[in-house]
Structures are given as structure tokens and as C-alpha cells.
Amino acid sequence: MALTLYSTPDCGNCGFLEHLLQRRGLLYTKVDVSEDGDQSARKRLQELGFMGVPVMYDPARDEYRYGVDVEWLPPAQPMPAAG
């Protein structure tokens, strides 16, 4: 199952976390919760008590996490063999 990264375009920590997810080979969906983005997702995060981003959601654990918490992320996925 893919993780969900809730972010905004001008969030430095969001960009760092996205880069980390890519480097680890983790599947994720990025949801923009800025004023021009997904307002239903923004409202949902606020209802859960999150007032900022980045917020990650892991459906395997049914758990949300605010900020950059490297230890909370699933382990890196092995890269497929070339050729």
C-alpha cells in the first residue's frame, strides 16, 4: 500500500521528505493541501489536529505522523536488478 504525503508547494520539509521517499523507493501519493490544493484533505488534517505539513499517512498502520520522522518511515525497498 502506498503512503500519502500531505504537503504544500512552498514547504521545505515536504520537499525533503518527498526526496527521502523517492530515494528509499517507497510508493507514495502526494496531496497538495495549500489554498489552491485539496481543501477536503486540508479539512481532514485539521480535524485530526494537524495545523501544518508535512503529514504522512501509512495505511498499513492506519497512522498519521507530522514532520520528518525518518525512523517512522517503512524500510527502503530493494531496487530491482538491472538487465
N, C-alpha and C. Protein backbone atom coordinates (compact mmCIF):
# COMPACT_ATOMS: atom_id res chain seq x y z
N MET A 1 0.84 -1.19 0.00
CA MET A 1 0.00 0.00 0.00
C MET A 1 0.88 1.25 0.00
N ALA A 2 0.44 2.24 -0.73
CA ALA A 2 1.20 3.48 -0.84
C ALA A 2 0.96 4.39 0.35
N LEU A 3 2.01 5.08 0.76
CA LEU A 3 1.91 6.12 1.78
C LEU A 3 1.25 7.33 1.15
N THR A 4 0.76 8.24 1.98
CA THR A 4 0.24 9.51 1.49
C THR A 4 1.05 10.63 2.14
N LEU A 5 1.57 11.53 1.32
CA LEU A 5 2.31 12.70 1.79
C LEU A 5 1.44 13.92 1.56
N TYR A 6 1.00 14.54 2.65
CA TYR A 6 0.25 15.79 2.58
C TYR A 6 1.26 16.92 2.66
N SER A 7 1.21 17.83 1.69
CA SER A 7 2.24 18.87 1.61
C SER A 7 1.69 20.13 0.97
N THR A 8 2.55 21.12 0.90
CA THR A 8 2.26 22.35 0.16
C THR A 8 3.48 22.64 -0.72
N PRO A 9 3.27 23.38 -1.81
CA PRO A 9 4.39 23.64 -2.74
C PRO A 9 5.57 24.38 -2.13
N ASP A 10 5.34 25.24 -1.15
CA ASP A 10 6.42 26.05 -0.59
C ASP A 10 7.00 25.49 0.71
N CYS A 11 6.76 24.23 1.01
CA CYS A 11 7.20 23.61 2.26
C CYS A 11 8.54 22.91 2.04
N GLY A 12 9.59 23.43 2.66
CA GLY A 12 10.92 22.84 2.52
C GLY A 12 11.00 21.43 3.09
N ASN A 13 10.41 21.21 4.26
CA ASN A 13 10.43 19.87 4.84
C ASN A 13 9.64 18.88 4.00
N CYS A 14 8.60 19.35 3.33
CA CYS A 14 7.82 18.48 2.44
C CYS A 14 8.69 18.01 1.29
N GLY A 15 9.43 18.92 0.70
CA GLY A 15 10.33 18.57 -0.40
C GLY A 15 11.40 17.59 0.04
N PHE A 16 11.96 17.82 1.24
CA PHE A 16 12.97 16.92 1.77
C PHE A 16 12.38 15.53 1.98
N LEU A 17 11.19 15.46 2.56
CA LEU A 17 10.55 14.17 2.82
C LEU A 17 10.22 13.45 1.51
N GLU A 18 9.75 14.19 0.52
CA GLU A 18 9.45 13.58 -0.78
C GLU A 18 10.73 13.00 -1.40
N HIS A 19 11.82 13.74 -1.31
CA HIS A 19 13.10 13.26 -1.83
C HIS A 19 13.52 11.98 -1.09
N LEU A 20 13.33 11.95 0.21
CA LEU A 20 13.68 10.78 1.00
C LEU A 20 12.84 9.57 0.61
N LEU A 21 11.55 9.78 0.39
CA LEU A 21 10.67 8.69 -0.03
C LEU A 21 11.14 8.12 -1.38
N GLN A 22 11.49 9.01 -2.29
CA GLN A 22 11.97 8.58 -3.61
C GLN A 22 13.27 7.79 -3.49
N ARG A 23 14.20 8.29 -2.69
CA ARG A 23 15.49 7.61 -2.52
C ARG A 23 15.33 6.23 -1.90
N ARG A 24 14.33 6.09 -1.04
CA ARG A 24 14.09 4.79 -0.40
C ARG A 24 13.25 3.85 -1.27
N GLY A 25 12.77 4.36 -2.39
CA GLY A 25 11.98 3.53 -3.29
C GLY A 25 10.60 3.21 -2.75
N LEU A 26 10.06 4.09 -1.91
CA LEU A 26 8.75 3.87 -1.30
C LEU A 26 7.65 4.44 -2.19
N LEU A 27 6.57 3.70 -2.33
CA LEU A 27 5.42 4.18 -3.08
C LEU A 27 4.66 5.20 -2.23
N TYR A 28 4.27 6.30 -2.85
CA TYR A 28 3.51 7.32 -2.12
C TYR A 28 2.66 8.12 -3.08
N THR A 29 1.65 8.73 -2.52
CA THR A 29 0.80 9.68 -3.23
C THR A 29 0.97 11.02 -2.56
N LYS A 30 1.18 12.05 -3.36
CA LYS A 30 1.36 13.40 -2.83
C LYS A 30 0.05 14.16 -2.95
N VAL A 31 -0.39 14.77 -1.84
CA VAL A 31 -1.63 15.55 -1.82
C VAL A 31 -1.29 16.98 -1.42
N ASP A 32 -1.58 17.92 -2.29
CA ASP A 32 -1.34 19.34 -2.05
C ASP A 32 -2.51 19.90 -1.23
N VAL A 33 -2.23 20.35 -0.02
CA VAL A 33 -3.27 20.90 0.85
C VAL A 33 -3.16 22.42 0.98
N SER A 34 -2.48 23.06 0.00
CA SER A 34 -2.38 24.51 0.02
C SER A 34 -3.75 25.12 -0.30
N GLU A 35 -3.82 26.43 -0.27
CA GLU A 35 -5.07 27.13 -0.56
C GLU A 35 -5.62 26.75 -1.95
N ASP A 36 -4.73 26.46 -2.88
CA ASP A 36 -5.15 26.09 -4.23
C ASP A 36 -5.26 24.58 -4.42
N GLY A 37 -4.99 23.83 -3.35
CA GLY A 37 -4.98 22.37 -3.46
C GLY A 37 -6.26 21.73 -2.97
N ASP A 38 -6.12 20.54 -2.42
CA ASP A 38 -7.25 19.70 -2.00
C ASP A 38 -7.78 20.17 -0.64
N GLN A 39 -8.86 20.93 -0.66
CA GLN A 39 -9.42 21.50 0.57
C GLN A 39 -10.06 20.45 1.47
N SER A 40 -10.60 19.37 0.88
CA SER A 40 -11.18 18.32 1.73
C SER A 40 -10.08 17.61 2.52
N ALA A 41 -8.92 17.43 1.90
CA ALA A 41 -7.79 16.82 2.62
C ALA A 41 -7.29 17.77 3.70
N ARG A 42 -7.23 19.05 3.39
CA ARG A 42 -6.79 20.05 4.37
C ARG A 42 -7.72 20.05 5.59
N LYS A 43 -9.03 20.00 5.32
CA LYS A 43 -10.01 19.99 6.41
C LYS A 43 -9.86 18.72 7.25
N ARG A 44 -9.65 17.58 6.59
CA ARG A 44 -9.48 16.32 7.31
C ARG A 44 -8.27 16.38 8.24
N LEU A 45 -7.16 16.91 7.76
CA LEU A 45 -5.97 17.03 8.61
C LEU A 45 -6.24 17.94 9.80
N GLN A 46 -6.95 19.04 9.57
CA GLN A 46 -7.28 19.95 10.68
C GLN A 46 -8.17 19.26 11.70
N GLU A 47 -9.12 18.45 11.22
CA GLU A 47 -9.99 17.70 12.14
C GLU A 47 -9.19 16.71 12.98
N LEU A 48 -8.09 16.21 12.43
CA LEU A 48 -7.22 15.28 13.16
C LEU A 48 -6.24 16.02 14.08
N GLY A 49 -6.25 17.36 14.01
CA GLY A 49 -5.40 18.15 14.89
C GLY A 49 -4.10 18.62 14.26
N PHE A 50 -3.90 18.38 12.98
CA PHE A 50 -2.68 18.81 12.30
C PHE A 50 -2.88 20.21 11.75
N MET A 51 -2.00 21.13 12.11
CA MET A 51 -2.12 22.51 11.65
C MET A 51 -1.03 22.87 10.64
N GLY A 52 -0.15 21.95 10.34
CA GLY A 52 0.92 22.21 9.39
C GLY A 52 1.27 20.95 8.62
N VAL A 53 2.23 21.08 7.73
CA VAL A 53 2.71 19.96 6.93
C VAL A 53 4.23 19.92 7.04
N PRO A 54 4.85 18.83 6.72
CA PRO A 54 4.32 17.64 6.10
C PRO A 54 3.62 16.72 7.10
N VAL A 55 2.63 16.01 6.58
CA VAL A 55 1.97 14.94 7.33
C VAL A 55 2.00 13.70 6.45
N MET A 56 2.42 12.60 7.04
CA MET A 56 2.44 11.32 6.32
C MET A 56 1.34 10.43 6.88
N TYR A 57 0.74 9.64 5.99
CA TYR A 57 -0.24 8.64 6.41
C TYR A 57 0.23 7.28 5.89
N ASP A 58 0.28 6.31 6.80
CA ASP A 58 0.65 4.94 6.44
C ASP A 58 -0.58 4.06 6.61
N PRO A 59 -1.22 3.63 5.51
CA PRO A 59 -2.43 2.82 5.62
C PRO A 59 -2.18 1.44 6.23
N ALA A 60 -0.97 0.93 6.12
CA ALA A 60 -0.66 -0.37 6.71
C ALA A 60 -0.77 -0.32 8.23
N ARG A 61 -0.45 0.83 8.81
CA ARG A 61 -0.55 1.03 10.26
C ARG A 61 -1.76 1.85 10.65
N ASP A 62 -2.46 2.40 9.66
CA ASP A 62 -3.56 3.33 9.89
C ASP A 62 -3.11 4.42 10.85
N GLU A 63 -1.98 5.05 10.50
CA GLU A 63 -1.34 6.02 11.40
C GLU A 63 -0.85 7.23 10.62
N TYR A 64 -1.06 8.40 11.21
CA TYR A 64 -0.57 9.66 10.68
C TYR A 64 0.66 10.09 11.48
N ARG A 65 1.57 10.84 10.81
CA ARG A 65 2.74 11.36 11.50
C ARG A 65 3.07 12.73 10.94
N TYR A 66 3.27 13.70 11.84
CA TYR A 66 3.61 15.06 11.44
C TYR A 66 5.13 15.21 11.39
N GLY A 67 5.60 15.96 10.42
CA GLY A 67 7.02 16.31 10.35
C GLY A 67 7.85 15.26 9.64
N VAL A 68 9.15 15.40 9.76
CA VAL A 68 10.10 14.48 9.15
C VAL A 68 10.59 13.54 10.23
N ASP A 69 10.05 12.34 10.26
CA ASP A 69 10.42 11.33 11.24
C ASP A 69 10.96 10.12 10.48
N VAL A 70 12.26 10.12 10.25
CA VAL A 70 12.90 9.10 9.42
C VAL A 70 12.69 7.70 10.01
N GLU A 71 12.73 7.58 11.31
CA GLU A 71 12.58 6.26 11.94
C GLU A 71 11.17 5.71 11.79
N TRP A 72 10.18 6.56 11.59
CA TRP A 72 8.79 6.12 11.44
C TRP A 72 8.54 5.54 10.06
N LEU A 73 9.30 5.98 9.06
CA LEU A 73 9.09 5.53 7.69
C LEU A 73 9.38 4.04 7.55
N PRO A 74 8.65 3.37 6.64
CA PRO A 74 8.96 1.97 6.37
C PRO A 74 10.39 1.83 5.83
N PRO A 75 10.96 0.65 5.93
CA PRO A 75 12.32 0.48 5.40
C PRO A 75 12.37 0.66 3.89
N ALA A 76 13.55 0.96 3.40
CA ALA A 76 13.74 1.13 1.97
C ALA A 76 13.39 -0.13 1.22
N GLN A 77 12.84 0.05 0.03
CA GLN A 77 12.50 -1.08 -0.82
C GLN A 77 13.71 -1.42 -1.69
N PRO A 78 13.99 -2.71 -1.87
CA PRO A 78 15.14 -3.08 -2.69
C PRO A 78 14.94 -2.64 -4.15
N MET A 79 16.00 -2.19 -4.74
CA MET A 79 15.95 -1.78 -6.15
C MET A 79 15.94 -3.03 -7.02
N PRO A 80 15.13 -3.03 -8.09
CA PRO A 80 15.12 -4.20 -8.98
C PRO A 80 16.47 -4.37 -9.67
N ALA A 81 16.84 -5.61 -9.92
CA ALA A 81 18.11 -5.90 -10.59
C ALA A 81 18.06 -5.40 -12.03
N ALA A 82 19.17 -4.84 -12.47
CA ALA A 82 19.25 -4.32 -13.84
C ALA A 82 19.41 -5.48 -14.81
N GLY A 83 18.78 -5.30 -15.96
CA GLY A 83 19.03 -6.12 -17.07
C GLY A 83 18.50 -7.39 -17.29
